[in-house]
Amino acid sequence: MRTIFAEYNPQCNSIDVYTSAGYMLRIDCWEAEKNLKTTLGSECALTSHISKCHF
């Protein structure tokens, strides 16, 4: 199964991954992140990265 592309779906808060076989895999961001543990260093790195992004 080769990935063609993936995109964020804000209506479902998910990442939709499309494959060359015609399948679509939906990853639920709330479910994927609910038990996520972060450290102070990783939070600082993420905040720094987000502040550099131009939305």
N, C-alpha and C. Protein backbone atom coordinates (compact mmCIF):
# COMPACT_ATOMS: atom_id res chain seq x y z
N MET A 1 0.85 -1.17 0.00
CA MET A 1 0.00 0.00 0.00
C MET A 1 0.90 1.24 0.00
N ARG A 2 0.92 1.94 -1.10
CA ARG A 2 1.72 3.17 -1.21
C ARG A 2 0.85 4.38 -0.92
N THR A 3 1.37 5.30 -0.14
CA THR A 3 0.65 6.53 0.16
C THR A 3 0.74 7.49 -1.01
N ILE A 4 -0.40 8.03 -1.42
CA ILE A 4 -0.42 9.06 -2.45
C ILE A 4 -0.25 10.43 -1.79
N PHE A 5 -1.10 10.74 -0.82
CA PHE A 5 -0.93 11.97 -0.05
C PHE A 5 -1.78 11.90 1.22
N ALA A 6 -1.52 12.83 2.12
CA ALA A 6 -2.28 12.93 3.36
C ALA A 6 -2.62 14.39 3.58
N GLU A 7 -3.78 14.63 4.20
CA GLU A 7 -4.19 16.00 4.49
C GLU A 7 -4.95 16.05 5.80
N TYR A 8 -4.88 17.20 6.45
CA TYR A 8 -5.62 17.42 7.68
C TYR A 8 -7.06 17.76 7.33
N ASN A 9 -8.01 17.11 8.01
CA ASN A 9 -9.43 17.34 7.81
C ASN A 9 -9.97 18.06 9.05
N PRO A 10 -10.14 19.40 8.99
CA PRO A 10 -10.56 20.14 10.18
C PRO A 10 -12.00 19.83 10.63
N GLN A 11 -12.87 19.38 9.72
CA GLN A 11 -14.24 19.05 10.11
C GLN A 11 -14.29 17.85 11.05
N CYS A 12 -13.38 16.91 10.86
CA CYS A 12 -13.35 15.70 11.68
C CYS A 12 -12.18 15.68 12.65
N ASN A 13 -11.33 16.71 12.63
CA ASN A 13 -10.09 16.75 13.40
C ASN A 13 -9.32 15.45 13.19
N SER A 14 -9.06 15.16 11.92
CA SER A 14 -8.37 13.92 11.58
C SER A 14 -7.37 14.17 10.46
N ILE A 15 -6.50 13.19 10.26
CA ILE A 15 -5.60 13.20 9.12
C ILE A 15 -6.08 12.09 8.19
N ASP A 16 -6.41 12.45 6.96
CA ASP A 16 -6.86 11.49 5.96
C ASP A 16 -5.69 11.12 5.07
N VAL A 17 -5.37 9.83 5.02
CA VAL A 17 -4.26 9.32 4.22
C VAL A 17 -4.84 8.53 3.05
N TYR A 18 -4.49 8.92 1.83
CA TYR A 18 -4.99 8.27 0.63
C TYR A 18 -3.90 7.40 0.03
N THR A 19 -4.27 6.21 -0.47
CA THR A 19 -3.29 5.26 -1.00
C THR A 19 -3.51 5.01 -2.48
N SER A 20 -2.48 4.43 -3.11
CA SER A 20 -2.57 4.11 -4.53
C SER A 20 -3.56 2.97 -4.79
N ALA A 21 -3.89 2.19 -3.76
CA ALA A 21 -4.85 1.10 -3.90
C ALA A 21 -6.29 1.59 -3.81
N GLY A 22 -6.48 2.89 -3.60
CA GLY A 22 -7.82 3.46 -3.53
C GLY A 22 -8.41 3.50 -2.13
N TYR A 23 -7.62 3.19 -1.13
CA TYR A 23 -8.10 3.23 0.25
C TYR A 23 -7.85 4.59 0.87
N MET A 24 -8.68 4.91 1.87
CA MET A 24 -8.47 6.13 2.64
C MET A 24 -8.44 5.73 4.11
N LEU A 25 -7.37 6.09 4.79
CA LEU A 25 -7.21 5.81 6.22
C LEU A 25 -7.41 7.12 6.96
N ARG A 26 -8.31 7.14 7.94
CA ARG A 26 -8.55 8.35 8.73
C ARG A 26 -7.99 8.15 10.13
N ILE A 27 -7.07 9.02 10.51
CA ILE A 27 -6.46 8.98 11.84
C ILE A 27 -7.11 10.07 12.68
N ASP A 28 -7.81 9.68 13.73
CA ASP A 28 -8.50 10.61 14.62
C ASP A 28 -7.47 11.28 15.53
N CYS A 29 -7.29 12.58 15.38
CA CYS A 29 -6.27 13.31 16.15
C CYS A 29 -6.56 13.30 17.64
N TRP A 30 -7.83 13.41 18.05
CA TRP A 30 -8.16 13.39 19.48
C TRP A 30 -7.75 12.04 20.08
N GLU A 31 -8.07 10.96 19.37
CA GLU A 31 -7.75 9.62 19.85
C GLU A 31 -6.23 9.40 19.89
N ALA A 32 -5.55 9.86 18.87
CA ALA A 32 -4.10 9.67 18.79
C ALA A 32 -3.35 10.46 19.85
N GLU A 33 -3.90 11.59 20.28
CA GLU A 33 -3.21 12.48 21.21
C GLU A 33 -3.69 12.38 22.65
N LYS A 34 -4.73 11.59 22.93
CA LYS A 34 -5.34 11.63 24.26
C LYS A 34 -4.40 11.18 25.38
N ASN A 35 -3.49 10.26 25.14
CA ASN A 35 -2.56 9.82 26.18
C ASN A 35 -1.14 10.29 25.91
N LEU A 36 -1.00 11.31 25.08
CA LEU A 36 0.31 11.83 24.72
C LEU A 36 0.95 12.52 25.92
N LYS A 37 2.16 12.13 26.21
CA LYS A 37 2.92 12.74 27.29
C LYS A 37 4.02 13.59 26.67
N THR A 38 4.16 14.81 27.13
CA THR A 38 5.20 15.69 26.62
C THR A 38 6.15 16.07 27.74
N THR A 39 7.32 16.51 27.35
CA THR A 39 8.29 17.02 28.31
C THR A 39 8.39 18.53 28.11
N LEU A 40 8.98 19.21 29.05
CA LEU A 40 9.15 20.66 28.92
C LEU A 40 9.92 20.99 27.65
N GLY A 41 10.96 20.22 27.35
CA GLY A 41 11.76 20.47 26.15
C GLY A 41 10.96 20.31 24.87
N SER A 42 10.12 19.27 24.80
CA SER A 42 9.35 19.05 23.58
C SER A 42 8.27 20.12 23.42
N GLU A 43 7.68 20.57 24.52
CA GLU A 43 6.68 21.64 24.43
C GLU A 43 7.32 22.94 23.96
N CYS A 44 8.51 23.24 24.45
CA CYS A 44 9.22 24.46 24.03
C CYS A 44 9.57 24.39 22.55
N ALA A 45 10.02 23.22 22.09
CA ALA A 45 10.38 23.06 20.68
C ALA A 45 9.15 23.22 19.80
N LEU A 46 8.02 22.65 20.22
CA LEU A 46 6.79 22.76 19.45
C LEU A 46 6.30 24.20 19.41
N THR A 47 6.33 24.88 20.54
CA THR A 47 5.91 26.28 20.59
C THR A 47 6.80 27.14 19.70
N SER A 48 8.09 26.88 19.72
CA SER A 48 9.03 27.63 18.89
C SER A 48 8.74 27.40 17.41
N HIS A 49 8.45 26.15 17.04
CA HIS A 49 8.15 25.82 15.65
C HIS A 49 6.85 26.50 15.20
N ILE A 50 5.83 26.45 16.04
CA ILE A 50 4.54 27.04 15.69
C ILE A 50 4.66 28.55 15.52
N SER A 51 5.46 29.20 16.37
CA SER A 51 5.60 30.65 16.28
C SER A 51 6.30 31.08 14.99
N LYS A 52 7.07 30.17 14.37
CA LYS A 52 7.75 30.48 13.11
C LYS A 52 6.86 30.24 11.89
N CYS A 53 5.76 29.52 12.07
CA CYS A 53 4.86 29.21 10.96
C CYS A 53 3.99 30.42 10.64
N HIS A 54 3.70 30.60 9.38
CA HIS A 54 2.83 31.69 8.94
C HIS A 54 1.52 31.08 8.47
N PHE A 55 0.48 31.23 9.27
CA PHE A 55 -0.81 30.64 8.92
C PHE A 55 -1.64 31.61 8.14
